[in-house]
Amino acid sequence: ESGAFESERVELLDGMLVTMTPQDAAHAHTVQRLAEALTLALRGKAIVRTQSPLALLDDSEPEPDIAVVPLGDYSSGHPAEALLVVEIPGSSLRRDRLVKGPIYARAGVDEFWLIDLVVRLVEVHRHPDAGRFTSIMRVAEGESLRSLRFPDVEVSLRDILPTVRR
């Protein structure tokens, strides 16, 4: 907030400032498509934020690619709760899985989707307990995602994943 890192893309993870990786076209495409689908489906039920901070823990303020947060006015402070968090890593896959995932679990986020664009599948992490998610399932390209909190919302991976060039 002091502006000391104004020209740098960093996020606070476990008390450390971590440089955020640049986005490629496939990443940006997937963020946009999923955010559009969730925004339409969750209108009046929740807010969909893209690449914005979450004030989840005293030592962590991650900026997930997508966060579904409760309805509310966040003009004077970042949300301190998320119903669903989505990360779409490129080179940050290891950090997203091993550092950010446990942060989301410790903060009590019900569900964390990790979309791997290389292998074209989603790891769905659910049921946080003692700093980790107790359930992890994989959703393949031809399948659809459904959130725990919003089971009536279905997102087809075919609709959000970038086209494969052969």
N, C-alpha and C. Protein backbone atom coordinates (compact mmCIF):
# COMPACT_ATOMS: atom_id res chain seq x y z
N GLU A 1 0.81 -1.21 0.00
CA GLU A 1 0.00 0.00 0.00
C GLU A 1 0.84 1.26 0.00
N SER A 2 2.09 1.18 0.48
CA SER A 2 2.96 2.36 0.52
C SER A 2 3.50 2.72 -0.86
N GLY A 3 3.36 1.82 -1.83
CA GLY A 3 3.85 2.10 -3.18
C GLY A 3 5.29 1.67 -3.41
N ALA A 4 5.90 1.01 -2.44
CA ALA A 4 7.30 0.61 -2.55
C ALA A 4 7.53 -0.38 -3.69
N PHE A 5 6.52 -1.16 -4.04
CA PHE A 5 6.65 -2.15 -5.10
C PHE A 5 5.70 -1.84 -6.25
N GLU A 6 5.47 -0.57 -6.46
CA GLU A 6 4.49 -0.10 -7.43
C GLU A 6 4.71 -0.63 -8.84
N SER A 7 5.96 -0.73 -9.27
CA SER A 7 6.25 -1.14 -10.64
C SER A 7 6.53 -2.64 -10.76
N GLU A 8 6.33 -3.39 -9.68
CA GLU A 8 6.61 -4.82 -9.71
C GLU A 8 5.33 -5.60 -9.46
N ARG A 9 5.23 -6.77 -10.10
CA ARG A 9 4.10 -7.67 -9.86
C ARG A 9 4.52 -8.68 -8.82
N VAL A 10 4.10 -8.45 -7.57
CA VAL A 10 4.44 -9.34 -6.46
C VAL A 10 3.18 -9.65 -5.67
N GLU A 11 3.25 -10.77 -4.93
CA GLU A 11 2.17 -11.11 -4.01
C GLU A 11 2.80 -11.60 -2.72
N LEU A 12 2.08 -11.45 -1.62
CA LEU A 12 2.56 -11.85 -0.31
C LEU A 12 2.12 -13.29 -0.03
N LEU A 13 3.12 -14.19 0.12
CA LEU A 13 2.84 -15.59 0.38
C LEU A 13 3.66 -16.06 1.57
N ASP A 14 3.01 -16.47 2.63
CA ASP A 14 3.69 -16.93 3.84
C ASP A 14 4.72 -15.92 4.32
N GLY A 15 4.38 -14.65 4.29
CA GLY A 15 5.25 -13.60 4.80
C GLY A 15 6.35 -13.16 3.85
N MET A 16 6.41 -13.71 2.65
CA MET A 16 7.45 -13.35 1.69
C MET A 16 6.82 -12.72 0.45
N LEU A 17 7.49 -11.70 -0.09
CA LEU A 17 7.05 -11.13 -1.36
C LEU A 17 7.60 -12.00 -2.48
N VAL A 18 6.70 -12.49 -3.32
CA VAL A 18 7.06 -13.42 -4.38
C VAL A 18 6.70 -12.78 -5.72
N THR A 19 7.66 -12.79 -6.66
CA THR A 19 7.42 -12.24 -7.99
C THR A 19 6.41 -13.10 -8.73
N MET A 20 5.47 -12.46 -9.37
CA MET A 20 4.46 -13.18 -10.15
C MET A 20 4.99 -13.40 -11.56
N THR A 21 4.69 -14.56 -12.12
CA THR A 21 5.17 -14.88 -13.46
C THR A 21 4.33 -14.18 -14.52
N PRO A 22 4.95 -13.84 -15.66
CA PRO A 22 4.20 -13.20 -16.74
C PRO A 22 3.16 -14.17 -17.33
N GLN A 23 2.14 -13.60 -17.94
CA GLN A 23 1.07 -14.41 -18.53
C GLN A 23 1.31 -14.58 -20.02
N ASP A 24 1.07 -15.81 -20.51
CA ASP A 24 1.09 -16.00 -21.95
C ASP A 24 -0.35 -15.95 -22.46
N ALA A 25 -0.50 -16.07 -23.77
CA ALA A 25 -1.83 -15.94 -24.38
C ALA A 25 -2.79 -17.03 -23.92
N ALA A 26 -2.32 -18.27 -23.81
CA ALA A 26 -3.19 -19.37 -23.39
C ALA A 26 -3.72 -19.14 -21.97
N HIS A 27 -2.85 -18.65 -21.11
CA HIS A 27 -3.24 -18.35 -19.73
C HIS A 27 -4.31 -17.27 -19.71
N ALA A 28 -4.04 -16.16 -20.38
CA ALA A 28 -4.99 -15.04 -20.42
C ALA A 28 -6.33 -15.47 -21.00
N HIS A 29 -6.29 -16.28 -22.05
CA HIS A 29 -7.52 -16.78 -22.68
C HIS A 29 -8.35 -17.58 -21.68
N THR A 30 -7.70 -18.48 -20.95
CA THR A 30 -8.41 -19.34 -20.01
C THR A 30 -8.99 -18.54 -18.86
N VAL A 31 -8.22 -17.59 -18.33
CA VAL A 31 -8.73 -16.73 -17.26
C VAL A 31 -9.98 -16.00 -17.74
N GLN A 32 -9.90 -15.41 -18.91
CA GLN A 32 -11.03 -14.65 -19.44
C GLN A 32 -12.26 -15.52 -19.65
N ARG A 33 -12.09 -16.68 -20.29
CA ARG A 33 -13.23 -17.54 -20.59
C ARG A 33 -13.90 -18.07 -19.32
N LEU A 34 -13.08 -18.51 -18.35
CA LEU A 34 -13.64 -19.03 -17.11
C LEU A 34 -14.30 -17.92 -16.31
N ALA A 35 -13.68 -16.76 -16.24
CA ALA A 35 -14.28 -15.64 -15.50
C ALA A 35 -15.62 -15.24 -16.11
N GLU A 36 -15.70 -15.22 -17.44
CA GLU A 36 -16.97 -14.88 -18.10
C GLU A 36 -18.04 -15.91 -17.75
N ALA A 37 -17.69 -17.20 -17.83
CA ALA A 37 -18.66 -18.26 -17.54
C ALA A 37 -19.15 -18.18 -16.10
N LEU A 38 -18.22 -18.00 -15.17
CA LEU A 38 -18.60 -17.94 -13.76
C LEU A 38 -19.40 -16.68 -13.44
N THR A 39 -19.01 -15.56 -14.03
CA THR A 39 -19.73 -14.30 -13.78
C THR A 39 -21.19 -14.41 -14.21
N LEU A 40 -21.42 -14.97 -15.39
CA LEU A 40 -22.80 -15.13 -15.87
C LEU A 40 -23.58 -16.10 -14.98
N ALA A 41 -22.96 -17.20 -14.61
CA ALA A 41 -23.65 -18.23 -13.83
C ALA A 41 -23.91 -17.81 -12.39
N LEU A 42 -23.04 -16.95 -11.84
CA LEU A 42 -23.14 -16.60 -10.42
C LEU A 42 -23.72 -15.21 -10.16
N ARG A 43 -24.25 -14.58 -11.18
CA ARG A 43 -24.82 -13.24 -11.03
C ARG A 43 -25.85 -13.24 -9.88
N GLY A 44 -25.66 -12.34 -8.93
CA GLY A 44 -26.56 -12.22 -7.79
C GLY A 44 -26.29 -13.21 -6.68
N LYS A 45 -25.35 -14.15 -6.88
CA LYS A 45 -25.03 -15.16 -5.87
C LYS A 45 -23.65 -14.94 -5.25
N ALA A 46 -22.72 -14.43 -6.05
CA ALA A 46 -21.34 -14.23 -5.60
C ALA A 46 -20.66 -13.28 -6.57
N ILE A 47 -19.46 -12.83 -6.20
CA ILE A 47 -18.67 -11.94 -7.05
C ILE A 47 -17.48 -12.72 -7.58
N VAL A 48 -17.20 -12.56 -8.86
CA VAL A 48 -16.04 -13.20 -9.49
C VAL A 48 -14.99 -12.13 -9.69
N ARG A 49 -13.83 -12.32 -9.07
CA ARG A 49 -12.71 -11.38 -9.18
C ARG A 49 -11.58 -12.04 -9.95
N THR A 50 -10.92 -11.28 -10.81
CA THR A 50 -9.79 -11.81 -11.55
C THR A 50 -8.52 -11.09 -11.15
N GLN A 51 -7.51 -11.89 -10.85
CA GLN A 51 -6.16 -11.41 -10.55
C GLN A 51 -6.16 -10.22 -9.59
N SER A 52 -6.91 -10.41 -8.51
CA SER A 52 -7.04 -9.38 -7.47
C SER A 52 -6.68 -10.00 -6.12
N PRO A 53 -6.15 -9.19 -5.20
CA PRO A 53 -5.72 -9.71 -3.90
C PRO A 53 -6.87 -10.23 -3.04
N LEU A 54 -6.51 -11.23 -2.23
CA LEU A 54 -7.38 -11.73 -1.18
C LEU A 54 -6.64 -11.56 0.14
N ALA A 55 -7.27 -10.95 1.11
CA ALA A 55 -6.66 -10.76 2.43
C ALA A 55 -7.01 -11.95 3.31
N LEU A 56 -6.46 -13.11 2.99
CA LEU A 56 -6.86 -14.35 3.64
C LEU A 56 -6.23 -14.57 5.00
N LEU A 57 -4.94 -14.30 5.13
CA LEU A 57 -4.21 -14.55 6.37
C LEU A 57 -3.31 -13.35 6.67
N ASP A 58 -2.87 -13.22 7.90
CA ASP A 58 -2.00 -12.10 8.26
C ASP A 58 -0.71 -12.07 7.44
N ASP A 59 -0.20 -13.24 7.08
CA ASP A 59 1.08 -13.29 6.36
C ASP A 59 0.94 -13.61 4.87
N SER A 60 -0.28 -13.63 4.35
CA SER A 60 -0.49 -13.99 2.95
C SER A 60 -1.63 -13.20 2.33
N GLU A 61 -1.32 -12.60 1.20
CA GLU A 61 -2.32 -11.89 0.42
C GLU A 61 -2.14 -12.29 -1.05
N PRO A 62 -2.53 -13.54 -1.37
CA PRO A 62 -2.34 -14.03 -2.72
C PRO A 62 -3.24 -13.31 -3.72
N GLU A 63 -2.85 -13.37 -4.98
CA GLU A 63 -3.64 -12.82 -6.08
C GLU A 63 -3.96 -13.93 -7.05
N PRO A 64 -4.97 -14.74 -6.74
CA PRO A 64 -5.30 -15.86 -7.63
C PRO A 64 -5.81 -15.36 -8.97
N ASP A 65 -5.72 -16.24 -9.95
CA ASP A 65 -6.23 -15.88 -11.28
C ASP A 65 -7.72 -15.56 -11.21
N ILE A 66 -8.46 -16.37 -10.46
CA ILE A 66 -9.89 -16.13 -10.28
C ILE A 66 -10.24 -16.46 -8.83
N ALA A 67 -11.05 -15.62 -8.23
CA ALA A 67 -11.59 -15.90 -6.90
C ALA A 67 -13.07 -15.60 -6.91
N VAL A 68 -13.84 -16.53 -6.41
CA VAL A 68 -15.28 -16.32 -6.22
C VAL A 68 -15.45 -16.00 -4.75
N VAL A 69 -15.97 -14.81 -4.49
CA VAL A 69 -16.09 -14.32 -3.11
C VAL A 69 -17.55 -13.99 -2.80
N PRO A 70 -17.90 -13.93 -1.51
CA PRO A 70 -19.28 -13.59 -1.15
C PRO A 70 -19.67 -12.20 -1.68
N LEU A 71 -20.95 -12.02 -1.90
CA LEU A 71 -21.44 -10.70 -2.29
C LEU A 71 -21.05 -9.69 -1.22
N GLY A 72 -20.69 -8.49 -1.64
CA GLY A 72 -20.31 -7.47 -0.69
C GLY A 72 -19.64 -6.30 -1.37
N ASP A 73 -19.33 -5.28 -0.61
CA ASP A 73 -18.63 -4.09 -1.10
C ASP A 73 -17.18 -4.19 -0.66
N TYR A 74 -16.30 -4.34 -1.62
CA TYR A 74 -14.87 -4.48 -1.32
C TYR A 74 -14.08 -3.24 -1.74
N SER A 75 -14.73 -2.10 -1.73
CA SER A 75 -14.06 -0.87 -2.15
C SER A 75 -13.08 -0.34 -1.11
N SER A 76 -13.22 -0.75 0.14
CA SER A 76 -12.31 -0.26 1.18
C SER A 76 -11.40 -1.35 1.75
N GLY A 77 -11.50 -2.56 1.24
CA GLY A 77 -10.65 -3.65 1.70
C GLY A 77 -10.86 -4.89 0.86
N HIS A 78 -9.80 -5.65 0.69
CA HIS A 78 -9.88 -6.88 -0.10
C HIS A 78 -10.70 -7.93 0.65
N PRO A 79 -11.34 -8.83 -0.07
CA PRO A 79 -12.09 -9.89 0.60
C PRO A 79 -11.19 -10.74 1.49
N ALA A 80 -11.71 -11.14 2.62
CA ALA A 80 -10.97 -11.99 3.55
C ALA A 80 -11.47 -13.43 3.48
N GLU A 81 -12.37 -13.70 2.55
CA GLU A 81 -12.95 -15.03 2.39
C GLU A 81 -13.13 -15.30 0.91
N ALA A 82 -12.93 -16.55 0.52
CA ALA A 82 -13.19 -16.96 -0.86
C ALA A 82 -13.95 -18.28 -0.83
N LEU A 83 -14.91 -18.42 -1.72
CA LEU A 83 -15.70 -19.63 -1.82
C LEU A 83 -15.05 -20.63 -2.77
N LEU A 84 -14.33 -20.09 -3.75
CA LEU A 84 -13.63 -20.88 -4.75
C LEU A 84 -12.45 -20.05 -5.23
N VAL A 85 -11.30 -20.68 -5.38
CA VAL A 85 -10.11 -20.02 -5.92
C VAL A 85 -9.60 -20.86 -7.08
N VAL A 86 -9.19 -20.18 -8.15
CA VAL A 86 -8.68 -20.87 -9.33
C VAL A 86 -7.30 -20.31 -9.67
N GLU A 87 -6.35 -21.21 -9.88
CA GLU A 87 -5.03 -20.84 -10.37
C GLU A 87 -4.80 -21.56 -11.69
N ILE A 88 -4.22 -20.83 -12.64
CA ILE A 88 -3.91 -21.37 -13.96
C ILE A 88 -2.42 -21.15 -14.18
N PRO A 89 -1.61 -22.07 -13.65
CA PRO A 89 -0.17 -21.85 -13.68
C PRO A 89 0.47 -22.18 -15.01
N GLY A 90 1.58 -21.54 -15.26
CA GLY A 90 2.48 -21.93 -16.33
C GLY A 90 3.68 -22.51 -15.62
N SER A 91 4.71 -21.70 -15.52
CA SER A 91 5.93 -22.13 -14.82
C SER A 91 5.74 -22.13 -13.30
N SER A 92 4.63 -21.61 -12.81
CA SER A 92 4.40 -21.53 -11.36
C SER A 92 3.61 -22.73 -10.82
N LEU A 93 3.50 -23.80 -11.59
CA LEU A 93 2.70 -24.95 -11.17
C LEU A 93 3.12 -25.47 -9.80
N ARG A 94 4.40 -25.65 -9.60
CA ARG A 94 4.89 -26.19 -8.32
C ARG A 94 4.54 -25.25 -7.16
N ARG A 95 4.77 -23.94 -7.35
CA ARG A 95 4.46 -22.97 -6.29
C ARG A 95 2.96 -22.92 -6.03
N ASP A 96 2.14 -22.95 -7.08
CA ASP A 96 0.70 -22.90 -6.89
C ASP A 96 0.20 -24.12 -6.12
N ARG A 97 0.76 -25.29 -6.42
CA ARG A 97 0.32 -26.52 -5.76
C ARG A 97 0.86 -26.62 -4.33
N LEU A 98 2.15 -26.31 -4.13
CA LEU A 98 2.80 -26.58 -2.84
C LEU A 98 2.82 -25.40 -1.88
N VAL A 99 2.66 -24.18 -2.38
CA VAL A 99 2.67 -23.00 -1.50
C VAL A 99 1.28 -22.38 -1.43
N LYS A 100 0.73 -22.03 -2.57
CA LYS A 100 -0.57 -21.34 -2.55
C LYS A 100 -1.71 -22.27 -2.14
N GLY A 101 -1.68 -23.53 -2.59
CA GLY A 101 -2.72 -24.48 -2.18
C GLY A 101 -2.85 -24.58 -0.67
N PRO A 102 -1.75 -24.82 0.06
CA PRO A 102 -1.84 -24.86 1.52
C PRO A 102 -2.29 -23.54 2.15
N ILE A 103 -1.93 -22.41 1.55
CA ILE A 103 -2.42 -21.12 2.05
C ILE A 103 -3.94 -21.08 1.95
N TYR A 104 -4.47 -21.50 0.80
CA TYR A 104 -5.92 -21.49 0.63
C TYR A 104 -6.58 -22.46 1.62
N ALA A 105 -5.96 -23.61 1.85
CA ALA A 105 -6.53 -24.57 2.81
C ALA A 105 -6.50 -23.99 4.23
N ARG A 106 -5.38 -23.38 4.64
CA ARG A 106 -5.29 -22.79 5.98
C ARG A 106 -6.32 -21.68 6.16
N ALA A 107 -6.62 -20.96 5.08
CA ALA A 107 -7.58 -19.86 5.15
C ALA A 107 -9.03 -20.36 5.11
N GLY A 108 -9.23 -21.66 4.93
CA GLY A 108 -10.58 -22.21 4.94
C GLY A 108 -11.33 -22.08 3.63
N VAL A 109 -10.60 -21.87 2.53
CA VAL A 109 -11.25 -21.83 1.21
C VAL A 109 -11.78 -23.24 0.94
N ASP A 110 -13.07 -23.34 0.62
CA ASP A 110 -13.70 -24.65 0.44
C ASP A 110 -13.13 -25.43 -0.73
N GLU A 111 -12.75 -24.70 -1.77
CA GLU A 111 -12.41 -25.38 -3.02
C GLU A 111 -11.36 -24.59 -3.79
N PHE A 112 -10.39 -25.30 -4.36
CA PHE A 112 -9.29 -24.72 -5.11
C PHE A 112 -9.12 -25.53 -6.39
N TRP A 113 -9.27 -24.84 -7.54
CA TRP A 113 -9.07 -25.50 -8.83
C TRP A 113 -7.71 -25.10 -9.37
N LEU A 114 -6.93 -26.07 -9.79
CA LEU A 114 -5.62 -25.85 -10.38
C LEU A 114 -5.71 -26.36 -11.82
N ILE A 115 -5.76 -25.42 -12.77
CA ILE A 115 -5.94 -25.78 -14.18
C ILE A 115 -4.57 -25.87 -14.85
N ASP A 116 -4.19 -27.08 -15.23
CA ASP A 116 -2.91 -27.33 -15.88
C ASP A 116 -3.14 -27.33 -17.39
N LEU A 117 -2.69 -26.26 -18.05
CA LEU A 117 -2.91 -26.12 -19.49
C LEU A 117 -2.03 -27.06 -20.31
N VAL A 118 -0.92 -27.51 -19.75
CA VAL A 118 -0.01 -28.40 -20.48
C VAL A 118 -0.64 -29.78 -20.65
N VAL A 119 -1.13 -30.35 -19.56
CA VAL A 119 -1.74 -31.69 -19.65
C VAL A 119 -3.26 -31.62 -19.82
N ARG A 120 -3.79 -30.40 -19.82
CA ARG A 120 -5.20 -30.14 -20.11
C ARG A 120 -6.14 -30.88 -19.16
N LEU A 121 -5.89 -30.67 -17.85
CA LEU A 121 -6.79 -31.20 -16.85
C LEU A 121 -6.82 -30.26 -15.66
N VAL A 122 -7.80 -30.47 -14.80
CA VAL A 122 -7.97 -29.64 -13.61
C VAL A 122 -7.87 -30.52 -12.38
N GLU A 123 -7.05 -30.09 -11.43
CA GLU A 123 -7.03 -30.72 -10.11
C GLU A 123 -8.03 -29.95 -9.26
N VAL A 124 -9.00 -30.65 -8.74
CA VAL A 124 -10.02 -30.04 -7.89
C VAL A 124 -9.70 -30.42 -6.45
N HIS A 125 -9.26 -29.44 -5.67
CA HIS A 125 -8.89 -29.65 -4.26
C HIS A 125 -10.07 -29.18 -3.40
N ARG A 126 -10.51 -30.05 -2.49
CA ARG A 126 -11.68 -29.73 -1.65
C ARG A 126 -11.44 -30.15 -0.21
N HIS A 127 -12.31 -29.65 0.65
CA HIS A 127 -12.37 -30.02 2.06
C HIS A 127 -11.07 -29.73 2.80
N PRO A 128 -10.82 -28.44 3.08
CA PRO A 128 -9.59 -28.09 3.81
C PRO A 128 -9.65 -28.58 5.26
N ASP A 129 -8.49 -29.05 5.73
CA ASP A 129 -8.37 -29.49 7.12
C ASP A 129 -6.90 -29.44 7.49
N ALA A 130 -6.58 -28.75 8.58
CA ALA A 130 -5.22 -28.68 9.11
C ALA A 130 -4.20 -28.25 8.05
N GLY A 131 -4.56 -27.26 7.25
CA GLY A 131 -3.62 -26.69 6.30
C GLY A 131 -3.42 -27.46 5.01
N ARG A 132 -4.34 -28.38 4.74
CA ARG A 132 -4.25 -29.10 3.46
C ARG A 132 -5.66 -29.48 3.02
N PHE A 133 -5.78 -29.77 1.74
CA PHE A 133 -7.06 -30.24 1.22
C PHE A 133 -7.09 -31.76 1.33
N THR A 134 -8.19 -32.29 1.85
CA THR A 134 -8.27 -33.73 2.10
C THR A 134 -8.81 -34.51 0.90
N SER A 135 -9.30 -33.79 -0.10
CA SER A 135 -9.82 -34.47 -1.29
C SER A 135 -9.24 -33.79 -2.53
N ILE A 136 -8.67 -34.59 -3.41
CA ILE A 136 -8.17 -34.09 -4.69
C ILE A 136 -8.66 -35.03 -5.77
N MET A 137 -9.35 -34.46 -6.76
CA MET A 137 -9.79 -35.26 -7.90
C MET A 137 -9.36 -34.55 -9.17
N ARG A 138 -9.28 -35.30 -10.24
CA ARG A 138 -8.86 -34.74 -11.51
C ARG A 138 -10.02 -34.75 -12.50
N VAL A 139 -10.17 -33.64 -13.21
CA VAL A 139 -11.22 -33.50 -14.21
C VAL A 139 -10.52 -33.35 -15.55
N ALA A 140 -10.83 -34.24 -16.48
CA ALA A 140 -10.16 -34.27 -17.78
C ALA A 140 -10.86 -33.35 -18.78
N GLU A 141 -10.17 -33.12 -19.87
CA GLU A 141 -10.60 -32.15 -20.89
C GLU A 141 -12.05 -32.31 -21.36
N GLY A 142 -12.53 -33.50 -21.55
CA GLY A 142 -13.89 -33.69 -22.06
C GLY A 142 -14.98 -33.60 -21.00
N GLU A 143 -14.60 -33.30 -19.77
CA GLU A 143 -15.55 -33.29 -18.67
C GLU A 143 -15.89 -31.86 -18.26
N SER A 144 -16.73 -31.75 -17.24
CA SER A 144 -17.16 -30.45 -16.74
C SER A 144 -16.82 -30.29 -15.27
N LEU A 145 -16.71 -29.04 -14.87
CA LEU A 145 -16.45 -28.68 -13.47
C LEU A 145 -17.75 -28.24 -12.81
N ARG A 146 -17.90 -28.63 -11.55
CA ARG A 146 -19.01 -28.17 -10.72
C ARG A 146 -18.44 -27.79 -9.38
N SER A 147 -18.87 -26.65 -8.87
CA SER A 147 -18.38 -26.17 -7.58
C SER A 147 -19.21 -26.77 -6.45
N LEU A 148 -18.56 -26.98 -5.32
CA LEU A 148 -19.28 -27.45 -4.12
C LEU A 148 -20.37 -26.49 -3.70
N ARG A 149 -20.04 -25.21 -3.66
CA ARG A 149 -20.99 -24.18 -3.18
C ARG A 149 -22.10 -23.91 -4.17
N PHE A 150 -21.83 -24.14 -5.45
CA PHE A 150 -22.81 -23.84 -6.50
C PHE A 150 -22.94 -25.05 -7.43
N PRO A 151 -23.53 -26.14 -6.94
CA PRO A 151 -23.58 -27.37 -7.74
C PRO A 151 -24.41 -27.25 -9.01
N ASP A 152 -25.26 -26.23 -9.08
CA ASP A 152 -26.06 -26.02 -10.29
C ASP A 152 -25.25 -25.36 -11.41
N VAL A 153 -24.05 -24.88 -11.10
CA VAL A 153 -23.20 -24.23 -12.09
C VAL A 153 -22.26 -25.27 -12.67
N GLU A 154 -22.32 -25.43 -13.98
CA GLU A 154 -21.47 -26.40 -14.68
C GLU A 154 -20.64 -25.67 -15.73
N VAL A 155 -19.34 -25.93 -15.73
CA VAL A 155 -18.43 -25.30 -16.69
C VAL A 155 -17.72 -26.42 -17.45
N SER A 156 -17.93 -26.47 -18.76
CA SER A 156 -17.27 -27.46 -19.60
C SER A 156 -15.84 -27.02 -19.86
N LEU A 157 -14.90 -27.94 -19.66
CA LEU A 157 -13.50 -27.60 -19.95
C LEU A 157 -13.30 -27.27 -21.42
N ARG A 158 -14.07 -27.88 -22.28
CA ARG A 158 -13.95 -27.56 -23.73
C ARG A 158 -14.24 -26.09 -23.99
N ASP A 159 -15.11 -25.50 -23.19
CA ASP A 159 -15.48 -24.09 -23.39
C ASP A 159 -14.43 -23.11 -22.90
N ILE A 160 -13.55 -23.54 -22.01
CA ILE A 160 -12.59 -22.58 -21.42
C ILE A 160 -11.15 -22.81 -21.83
N LEU A 161 -10.79 -24.06 -22.19
CA LEU A 161 -9.40 -24.33 -22.55
C LEU A 161 -9.08 -23.78 -23.92
N PRO A 162 -7.84 -23.32 -24.12
CA PRO A 162 -7.46 -22.81 -25.44
C PRO A 162 -7.46 -23.93 -26.48
N THR A 163 -7.68 -23.56 -27.71
CA THR A 163 -7.66 -24.50 -28.81
C THR A 163 -6.25 -25.05 -28.98
N VAL A 164 -6.17 -26.36 -29.21
CA VAL A 164 -4.88 -26.99 -29.44
C VAL A 164 -4.55 -26.86 -30.91
N ARG A 165 -3.39 -26.29 -31.20
CA ARG A 165 -2.91 -26.15 -32.59
C ARG A 165 -2.10 -27.39 -32.94
N ARG A 166 -2.44 -28.03 -34.00
CA ARG A 166 -1.72 -29.24 -34.42
C ARG A 166 -0.83 -28.95 -35.60
